[in-house]
Amino acid sequence: MPTFGKMTVDIKNAKSITGPGTLESDNSGQVWFDFSGKPYPTSIDWKKATTLTFTPTMGKAKTYHAADTEYFFNGGWVGPRLVLQKAR
């Protein structure tokens, strides 16, 4: 079941980017965040990303280190997908 909220991407020497989206996981243990609108980080921003903080609509925020995550973008998507934890 997706969890709605916002993701804040802190970027070295630049302003943070905060955009809406959903946090999801599957049975393999993979966890990802899909941006559902702008603003969202570009692949260029991603190279300077330091931390990511997901703040759900209800509940506690959780922070991830950008170096431990992956950035994906497909032309048919609204925004990028951030894989926060790979499948086990």
PDB file of N, CA and C in Angstrom:
ATOM      1  N   MET A   1       0.850  -1.175   0.000  1.00  0.00           N
ATOM      2  CA  MET A   1       0.000   0.000   0.000  1.00  0.00           C
ATOM      3  C   MET A   1       0.894   1.235   0.000  1.00  0.00           C
ATOM      4  N   PRO A   2       0.737   2.121  -0.976  1.00  0.00           N
ATOM      5  CA  PRO A   2       1.570   3.327  -1.028  1.00  0.00           C
ATOM      6  C   PRO A   2       1.287   4.284   0.125  1.00  0.00           C
ATOM      7  N   THR A   3       2.341   4.972   0.553  1.00  0.00           N
ATOM      8  CA  THR A   3       2.228   6.005   1.578  1.00  0.00           C
ATOM      9  C   THR A   3       2.477   7.341   0.902  1.00  0.00           C
ATOM     10  N   PHE A   4       1.510   8.245   1.008  1.00  0.00           N
ATOM     11  CA  PHE A   4       1.629   9.553   0.371  1.00  0.00           C
ATOM     12  C   PHE A   4       2.388  10.520   1.265  1.00  0.00           C
ATOM     13  N   GLY A   5       3.116  11.427   0.636  1.00  0.00           N
ATOM     14  CA  GLY A   5       3.863  12.417   1.396  1.00  0.00           C
ATOM     15  C   GLY A   5       4.720  13.256   0.471  1.00  0.00           C
ATOM     16  N   LYS A   6       5.813  13.758   1.027  1.00  0.00           N
ATOM     17  CA  LYS A   6       6.734  14.563   0.219  1.00  0.00           C
ATOM     18  C   LYS A   6       8.166  14.134   0.515  1.00  0.00           C
ATOM     19  N   MET A   7       9.012  14.324  -0.493  1.00  0.00           N
ATOM     20  CA  MET A   7      10.425  13.980  -0.376  1.00  0.00           C
ATOM     21  C   MET A   7      11.223  15.266  -0.513  1.00  0.00           C
ATOM     22  N   THR A   8      12.126  15.480   0.441  1.00  0.00           N
ATOM     23  CA  THR A   8      13.046  16.611   0.373  1.00  0.00           C
ATOM     24  C   THR A   8      14.426  16.074   0.057  1.00  0.00           C
ATOM     25  N   VAL A   9      15.004  16.559  -1.030  1.00  0.00           N
ATOM     26  CA  VAL A   9      16.344  16.146  -1.451  1.00  0.00           C
ATOM     27  C   VAL A   9      17.278  17.311  -1.158  1.00  0.00           C
ATOM     28  N   ASP A  10      18.225  17.087  -0.253  1.00  0.00           N
ATOM     29  CA  ASP A  10      19.223  18.111   0.067  1.00  0.00           C
ATOM     30  C   ASP A  10      20.354  17.990  -0.938  1.00  0.00           C
ATOM     31  N   ILE A  11      20.722  19.132  -1.516  1.00  0.00           N
ATOM     32  CA  ILE A  11      21.744  19.170  -2.558  1.00  0.00           C
ATOM     33  C   ILE A  11      22.914  20.020  -2.085  1.00  0.00           C
ATOM     34  N   LYS A  12      24.115  19.474  -2.242  1.00  0.00           N
ATOM     35  CA  LYS A  12      25.324  20.178  -1.815  1.00  0.00           C
ATOM     36  C   LYS A  12      25.455  21.522  -2.552  1.00  0.00           C
ATOM     37  N   ASN A  13      25.647  22.592  -1.781  1.00  0.00           N
ATOM     38  CA  ASN A  13      25.838  23.947  -2.306  1.00  0.00           C
ATOM     39  C   ASN A  13      24.667  24.456  -3.155  1.00  0.00           C
ATOM     40  N   ALA A  14      23.449  23.977  -2.872  1.00  0.00           N
ATOM     41  CA  ALA A  14      22.264  24.437  -3.606  1.00  0.00           C
ATOM     42  C   ALA A  14      21.037  24.315  -2.704  1.00  0.00           C
ATOM     43  N   LYS A  15      19.941  24.886  -3.166  1.00  0.00           N
ATOM     44  CA  LYS A  15      18.693  24.839  -2.419  1.00  0.00           C
ATOM     45  C   LYS A  15      18.091  23.428  -2.478  1.00  0.00           C
ATOM     46  N   SER A  16      17.509  22.985  -1.367  1.00  0.00           N
ATOM     47  CA  SER A  16      16.846  21.680  -1.321  1.00  0.00           C
ATOM     48  C   SER A  16      15.638  21.672  -2.247  1.00  0.00           C
ATOM     49  N   ILE A  17      15.291  20.487  -2.736  1.00  0.00           N
ATOM     50  CA  ILE A  17      14.129  20.311  -3.611  1.00  0.00           C
ATOM     51  C   ILE A  17      13.121  19.434  -2.876  1.00  0.00           C
ATOM     52  N   THR A  18      11.872  19.910  -2.749  1.00  0.00           N
ATOM     53  CA  THR A  18      10.825  19.146  -2.076  1.00  0.00           C
ATOM     54  C   THR A  18       9.659  18.963  -3.028  1.00  0.00           C
ATOM     55  N   GLY A  19       9.287  17.696  -3.256  1.00  0.00           N
ATOM     56  CA  GLY A  19       8.180  17.404  -4.160  1.00  0.00           C
ATOM     57  C   GLY A  19       7.287  16.305  -3.626  1.00  0.00           C
ATOM     58  N   PRO A  20       6.052  16.219  -4.147  1.00  0.00           N
ATOM     59  CA  PRO A  20       5.085  15.222  -3.698  1.00  0.00           C
ATOM     60  C   PRO A  20       5.306  13.867  -4.351  1.00  0.00           C
ATOM     61  N   GLY A  21       4.784  12.823  -3.687  1.00  0.00           N
ATOM     62  CA  GLY A  21       4.866  11.489  -4.267  1.00  0.00           C
ATOM     63  C   GLY A  21       4.437  10.417  -3.308  1.00  0.00           C
ATOM     64  N   THR A  22       4.793   9.170  -3.652  1.00  0.00           N
ATOM     65  CA  THR A  22       4.415   8.017  -2.838  1.00  0.00           C
ATOM     66  C   THR A  22       5.630   7.154  -2.529  1.00  0.00           C
ATOM     67  N   LEU A  23       5.634   6.628  -1.317  1.00  0.00           N
ATOM     68  CA  LEU A  23       6.651   5.684  -0.871  1.00  0.00           C
ATOM     69  C   LEU A  23       6.009   4.309  -0.920  1.00  0.00           C
ATOM     70  N   GLU A  24       6.689   3.342  -1.541  1.00  0.00           N
ATOM     71  CA  GLU A  24       6.146   1.991  -1.661  1.00  0.00           C
ATOM     72  C   GLU A  24       7.226   0.961  -1.408  1.00  0.00           C
ATOM     73  N   SER A  25       6.788  -0.276  -1.165  1.00  0.00           N
ATOM     74  CA  SER A  25       7.717  -1.392  -1.000  1.00  0.00           C
ATOM     75  C   SER A  25       7.056  -2.646  -1.560  1.00  0.00           C
ATOM     76  N   ASP A  26       7.870  -3.684  -1.758  1.00  0.00           N
ATOM     77  CA  ASP A  26       7.315  -4.949  -2.223  1.00  0.00           C
ATOM     78  C   ASP A  26       7.817  -6.080  -1.339  1.00  0.00           C
ATOM     79  N   ASN A  27       7.416  -7.304  -1.660  1.00  0.00           N
ATOM     80  CA  ASN A  27       7.760  -8.467  -0.829  1.00  0.00           C
ATOM     81  C   ASN A  27       9.248  -8.784  -0.822  1.00  0.00           C
ATOM     82  N   SER A  28       9.988  -8.282  -1.801  1.00  0.00           N
ATOM     83  CA  SER A  28      11.425  -8.564  -1.870  1.00  0.00           C
ATOM     84  C   SER A  28      12.224  -7.668  -0.920  1.00  0.00           C
ATOM     85  N   GLY A  29      11.563  -6.669  -0.333  1.00  0.00           N
ATOM     86  CA  GLY A  29      12.251  -5.748   0.562  1.00  0.00           C
ATOM     87  C   GLY A  29      12.674  -4.456  -0.110  1.00  0.00           C
ATOM     88  N   GLN A  30      12.420  -4.336  -1.421  1.00  0.00           N
ATOM     89  CA  GLN A  30      12.780  -3.105  -2.119  1.00  0.00           C
ATOM     90  C   GLN A  30      11.832  -1.982  -1.706  1.00  0.00           C
ATOM     91  N   VAL A  31      12.400  -0.796  -1.473  1.00  0.00           N
ATOM     92  CA  VAL A  31      11.629   0.390  -1.086  1.00  0.00           C
ATOM     93  C   VAL A  31      11.962   1.497  -2.076  1.00  0.00           C
ATOM     94  N   TRP A  32      10.925   2.188  -2.581  1.00  0.00           N
ATOM     95  CA  TRP A  32      11.165   3.257  -3.538  1.00  0.00           C
ATOM     96  C   TRP A  32      10.178   4.393  -3.336  1.00  0.00           C
ATOM     97  N   PHE A  33      10.558   5.558  -3.877  1.00  0.00           N
ATOM     98  CA  PHE A  33       9.716   6.750  -3.834  1.00  0.00           C
ATOM     99  C   PHE A  33       9.526   7.229  -5.262  1.00  0.00           C
ATOM    100  N   ASP A  34       8.263   7.410  -5.669  1.00  0.00           N
ATOM    101  CA  ASP A  34       7.945   7.948  -6.994  1.00  0.00           C
ATOM    102  C   ASP A  34       7.424   9.367  -6.840  1.00  0.00           C
ATOM    103  N   PHE A  35       8.101  10.324  -7.494  1.00  0.00           N
ATOM    104  CA  PHE A  35       7.604  11.695  -7.498  1.00  0.00           C
ATOM    105  C   PHE A  35       6.344  11.754  -8.363  1.00  0.00           C
ATOM    106  N   SER A  36       5.306  12.437  -7.874  1.00  0.00           N
ATOM    107  CA  SER A  36       4.048  12.531  -8.625  1.00  0.00           C
ATOM    108  C   SER A  36       3.810  13.924  -9.188  1.00  0.00           C
ATOM    109  N   GLY A  37       4.763  14.800  -9.032  1.00  0.00           N
ATOM    110  CA  GLY A  37       4.638  16.162  -9.554  1.00  0.00           C
ATOM    111  C   GLY A  37       5.939  16.915  -9.341  1.00  0.00           C
ATOM    112  N   LYS A  38       5.958  18.134  -9.867  1.00  0.00           N
ATOM    113  CA  LYS A  38       7.146  18.977  -9.711  1.00  0.00           C
ATOM    114  C   LYS A  38       7.023  19.772  -8.431  1.00  0.00           C
ATOM    115  N   PRO A  39       8.103  20.205  -7.848  1.00  0.00           N
ATOM    116  CA  PRO A  39       9.475  20.038  -8.327  1.00  0.00           C
ATOM    117  C   PRO A  39      10.036  18.667  -7.948  1.00  0.00           C
ATOM    118  N   TYR A  40      10.981  18.209  -8.737  1.00  0.00           N
ATOM    119  CA  TYR A  40      11.719  16.990  -8.428  1.00  0.00           C
ATOM    120  C   TYR A  40      13.143  17.165  -8.933  1.00  0.00           C
ATOM    121  N   PRO A  41      14.092  16.387  -8.385  1.00  0.00           N
ATOM    122  CA  PRO A  41      15.490  16.548  -8.793  1.00  0.00           C
ATOM    123  C   PRO A  41      15.741  15.987 -10.192  1.00  0.00           C
ATOM    124  N   THR A  42      16.643  16.617 -10.908  1.00  0.00           N
ATOM    125  CA  THR A  42      17.074  16.094 -12.205  1.00  0.00           C
ATOM    126  C   THR A  42      18.248  15.144 -11.966  1.00  0.00           C
ATOM    127  N   SER A  43      18.669  14.449 -12.996  1.00  0.00           N
ATOM    128  CA  SER A  43      19.821  13.550 -12.844  1.00  0.00           C
ATOM    129  C   SER A  43      21.086  14.349 -12.516  1.00  0.00           C
ATOM    130  N   ILE A  44      21.144  15.601 -12.974  1.00  0.00           N
ATOM    131  CA  ILE A  44      22.292  16.462 -12.651  1.00  0.00           C
ATOM    132  C   ILE A  44      22.267  16.831 -11.164  1.00  0.00           C
ATOM    133  N   ASP A  45      21.078  17.197 -10.646  1.00  0.00           N
ATOM    134  CA  ASP A  45      20.938  17.481  -9.214  1.00  0.00           C
ATOM    135  C   ASP A  45      21.359  16.269  -8.397  1.00  0.00           C
ATOM    136  N   TRP A  46      20.964  15.091  -8.883  1.00  0.00           N
ATOM    137  CA  TRP A  46      21.188  13.857  -8.130  1.00  0.00           C
ATOM    138  C   TRP A  46      22.664  13.611  -7.845  1.00  0.00           C
ATOM    139  N   LYS A  47      23.530  14.039  -8.730  1.00  0.00           N
ATOM    140  CA  LYS A  47      24.970  13.839  -8.545  1.00  0.00           C
ATOM    141  C   LYS A  47      25.492  14.608  -7.337  1.00  0.00           C
ATOM    142  N   LYS A  48      24.751  15.651  -6.900  1.00  0.00           N
ATOM    143  CA  LYS A  48      25.161  16.455  -5.750  1.00  0.00           C
ATOM    144  C   LYS A  48      24.273  16.225  -4.531  1.00  0.00           C
ATOM    145  N   ALA A  49      23.338  15.283  -4.622  1.00  0.00           N
ATOM    146  CA  ALA A  49      22.418  15.031  -3.505  1.00  0.00           C
ATOM    147  C   ALA A  49      23.176  14.455  -2.306  1.00  0.00           C
ATOM    148  N   THR A  50      22.789  14.881  -1.112  1.00  0.00           N
ATOM    149  CA  THR A  50      23.439  14.393   0.111  1.00  0.00           C
ATOM    150  C   THR A  50      22.500  13.533   0.946  1.00  0.00           C
ATOM    151  N   THR A  51      21.329  14.062   1.277  1.00  0.00           N
ATOM    152  CA  THR A  51      20.350  13.291   2.058  1.00  0.00           C
ATOM    153  C   THR A  51      18.960  13.468   1.462  1.00  0.00           C
ATOM    154  N   LEU A  52      18.094  12.503   1.771  1.00  0.00           N
ATOM    155  CA  LEU A  52      16.703  12.520   1.334  1.00  0.00           C
ATOM    156  C   LEU A  52      15.857  12.330   2.577  1.00  0.00           C
ATOM    157  N   THR A  53      14.823  13.116   2.726  1.00  0.00           N
ATOM    158  CA  THR A  53      13.932  12.961   3.871  1.00  0.00           C
ATOM    159  C   THR A  53      12.507  12.811   3.374  1.00  0.00           C
ATOM    160  N   PHE A  54      11.902  11.647   3.676  1.00  0.00           N
ATOM    161  CA  PHE A  54      10.509  11.410   3.318  1.00  0.00           C
ATOM    162  C   PHE A  54       9.647  11.785   4.510  1.00  0.00           C
ATOM    163  N   THR A  55       8.665  12.658   4.273  1.00  0.00           N
ATOM    164  CA  THR A  55       7.728  13.070   5.315  1.00  0.00           C
ATOM    165  C   THR A  55       6.330  12.627   4.877  1.00  0.00           C
ATOM    166  N   PRO A  56       5.780  11.595   5.538  1.00  0.00           N
ATOM    167  CA  PRO A  56       4.446  11.129   5.153  1.00  0.00           C
ATOM    168  C   PRO A  56       3.371  12.128   5.576  1.00  0.00           C
ATOM    169  N   THR A  57       2.197  12.017   4.956  1.00  0.00           N
ATOM    170  CA  THR A  57       1.091  12.898   5.319  1.00  0.00           C
ATOM    171  C   THR A  57       0.760  12.727   6.793  1.00  0.00           C
ATOM    172  N   MET A  58       0.823  11.484   7.261  1.00  0.00           N
ATOM    173  CA  MET A  58       0.632  11.186   8.683  1.00  0.00           C
ATOM    174  C   MET A  58       1.772  10.276   9.120  1.00  0.00           C
ATOM    175  N   GLY A  59       2.435  10.621  10.193  1.00  0.00           N
ATOM    176  CA  GLY A  59       3.526   9.793  10.684  1.00  0.00           C
ATOM    177  C   GLY A  59       4.832  10.554  10.772  1.00  0.00           C
ATOM    178  N   LYS A  60       5.903   9.789  11.048  1.00  0.00           N
ATOM    179  CA  LYS A  60       7.229  10.348  11.273  1.00  0.00           C
ATOM    180  C   LYS A  60       8.072  10.377  10.007  1.00  0.00           C
ATOM    181  N   ALA A  61       8.890  11.403   9.893  1.00  0.00           N
ATOM    182  CA  ALA A  61       9.811  11.535   8.758  1.00  0.00           C
ATOM    183  C   ALA A  61      10.960  10.527   8.895  1.00  0.00           C
ATOM    184  N   LYS A  62      11.504  10.115   7.752  1.00  0.00           N
ATOM    185  CA  LYS A  62      12.649   9.200   7.740  1.00  0.00           C
ATOM    186  C   LYS A  62      13.672   9.745   6.753  1.00  0.00           C
ATOM    187  N   THR A  63      14.947   9.714   7.155  1.00  0.00           N
ATOM    188  CA  THR A  63      16.030  10.245   6.327  1.00  0.00           C
ATOM    189  C   THR A  63      16.889   9.114   5.770  1.00  0.00           C
ATOM    190  N   TYR A  64      17.298   9.267   4.518  1.00  0.00           N
ATOM    191  CA  TYR A  64      18.157   8.310   3.820  1.00  0.00           C
ATOM    192  C   TYR A  64      19.384   9.050   3.302  1.00  0.00           C
ATOM    193  N   HIS A  65      20.501   8.345   3.162  1.00  0.00           N
ATOM    194  CA  HIS A  65      21.715   8.930   2.573  1.00  0.00           C
ATOM    195  C   HIS A  65      21.668   8.712   1.067  1.00  0.00           C
ATOM    196  N   ALA A  66      21.848   9.761   0.311  1.00  0.00           N
ATOM    197  CA  ALA A  66      21.752   9.679  -1.151  1.00  0.00           C
ATOM    198  C   ALA A  66      22.741   8.679  -1.743  1.00  0.00           C
ATOM    199  N   ALA A  67      23.904   8.547  -1.145  1.00  0.00           N
ATOM    200  CA  ALA A  67      24.923   7.626  -1.667  1.00  0.00           C
ATOM    201  C   ALA A  67      24.448   6.166  -1.626  1.00  0.00           C
ATOM    202  N   ASP A  68      23.477   5.869  -0.771  1.00  0.00           N
ATOM    203  CA  ASP A  68      22.962   4.504  -0.634  1.00  0.00           C
ATOM    204  C   ASP A  68      21.724   4.257  -1.496  1.00  0.00           C
ATOM    205  N   THR A  69      21.364   5.199  -2.350  1.00  0.00           N
ATOM    206  CA  THR A  69      20.139   5.099  -3.134  1.00  0.00           C
ATOM    207  C   THR A  69      20.442   5.174  -4.627  1.00  0.00           C
ATOM    208  N   GLU A  70      19.410   4.927  -5.451  1.00  0.00           N
ATOM    209  CA  GLU A  70      19.575   5.011  -6.903  1.00  0.00           C
ATOM    210  C   GLU A  70      18.484   5.892  -7.501  1.00  0.00           C
ATOM    211  N   TYR A  71      18.811   6.566  -8.587  1.00  0.00           N
ATOM    212  CA  TYR A  71      17.907   7.482  -9.291  1.00  0.00           C
ATOM    213  C   TYR A  71      17.567   6.881 -10.649  1.00  0.00           C
ATOM    214  N   PHE A  72      16.265   6.803 -10.966  1.00  0.00           N
ATOM    215  CA  PHE A  72      15.820   6.308 -12.270  1.00  0.00           C
ATOM    216  C   PHE A  72      14.815   7.297 -12.849  1.00  0.00           C
ATOM    217  N   PHE A  73      14.850   7.458 -14.164  1.00  0.00           N
ATOM    218  CA  PHE A  73      13.846   8.296 -14.815  1.00  0.00           C
ATOM    219  C   PHE A  73      13.503   7.690 -16.162  1.00  0.00           C
ATOM    220  N   ASN A  74      12.219   7.639 -16.458  1.00  0.00           N
ATOM    221  CA  ASN A  74      11.711   7.119 -17.716  1.00  0.00           C
ATOM    222  C   ASN A  74      10.857   8.222 -18.322  1.00  0.00           C
ATOM    223  N   GLY A  75      10.985   8.486 -19.596  1.00  0.00           N
ATOM    224  CA  GLY A  75      10.256   9.561 -20.259  1.00  0.00           C
ATOM    225  C   GLY A  75       8.751   9.506 -20.077  1.00  0.00           C
ATOM    226  N   GLY A  76       8.184   8.322 -19.841  1.00  0.00           N
ATOM    227  CA  GLY A  76       6.739   8.184 -19.661  1.00  0.00           C
ATOM    228  C   GLY A  76       6.270   8.461 -18.241  1.00  0.00           C
ATOM    229  N   TRP A  77       7.203   8.635 -17.308  1.00  0.00           N
ATOM    230  CA  TRP A  77       6.831   8.869 -15.910  1.00  0.00           C
ATOM    231  C   TRP A  77       6.622  10.349 -15.661  1.00  0.00           C
ATOM    232  N   VAL A  78       5.846  10.665 -14.636  1.00  0.00           N
ATOM    233  CA  VAL A  78       5.642  12.064 -14.235  1.00  0.00           C
ATOM    234  C   VAL A  78       6.937  12.628 -13.659  1.00  0.00           C
ATOM    235  N   GLY A  79       7.603  11.850 -12.840  1.00  0.00           N
ATOM    236  CA  GLY A  79       8.850  12.270 -12.203  1.00  0.00           C
ATOM    237  C   GLY A  79       9.744  11.067 -11.980  1.00  0.00           C
ATOM    238  N   PRO A  80      10.904  11.278 -11.390  1.00  0.00           N
ATOM    239  CA  PRO A  80      11.858  10.181 -11.189  1.00  0.00           C
ATOM    240  C   PRO A  80      11.437   9.220 -10.082  1.00  0.00           C
ATOM    241  N   ARG A  81      12.063   8.053 -10.073  1.00  0.00           N
ATOM    242  CA  ARG A  81      11.917   7.064  -9.002  1.00  0.00           C
ATOM    243  C   ARG A  81      13.234   7.009  -8.250  1.00  0.00           C
ATOM    244  N   LEU A  82      13.154   7.071  -6.931  1.00  0.00           N
ATOM    245  CA  LEU A  82      14.327   6.926  -6.082  1.00  0.00           C
ATOM    246  C   LEU A  82      14.232   5.574  -5.384  1.00  0.00           C
ATOM    247  N   VAL A  83      15.163   4.679  -5.661  1.00  0.00           N
ATOM    248  CA  VAL A  83      15.190   3.386  -4.972  1.00  0.00           C
ATOM    249  C   VAL A  83      15.990   3.606  -3.694  1.00  0.00           C
ATOM    250  N   LEU A  84      15.308   3.482  -2.564  1.00  0.00           N
ATOM    251  CA  LEU A  84      15.899   3.787  -1.266  1.00  0.00           C
ATOM    252  C   LEU A  84      16.510   2.557  -0.615  1.00  0.00           C
ATOM    253  N   GLN A  85      15.977   1.392  -0.950  1.00  0.00           N
ATOM    254  CA  GLN A  85      16.515   0.139  -0.423  1.00  0.00           C
ATOM    255  C   GLN A  85      16.306  -0.928  -1.487  1.00  0.00           C
ATOM    256  N   LYS A  86      17.398  -1.621  -1.853  1.00  0.00           N
ATOM    257  CA  LYS A  86      17.317  -2.655  -2.876  1.00  0.00           C
ATOM    258  C   LYS A  86      16.696  -3.922  -2.314  1.00  0.00           C
ATOM    259  N   ALA A  87      16.218  -4.773  -3.209  1.00  0.00           N
ATOM    260  CA  ALA A  87      15.660  -6.070  -2.813  1.00  0.00           C
ATOM    261  C   ALA A  87      16.729  -6.911  -2.140  1.00  0.00           C
ATOM    262  N   ARG A  88      16.296  -7.715  -1.193  1.00  0.00           N
ATOM    263  CA  ARG A  88      17.241  -8.579  -0.462  1.00  0.00           C
ATOM    264  C   ARG A  88      17.613  -9.791  -1.259  1.00  0.00           C
TER     265      ARG A  88
END
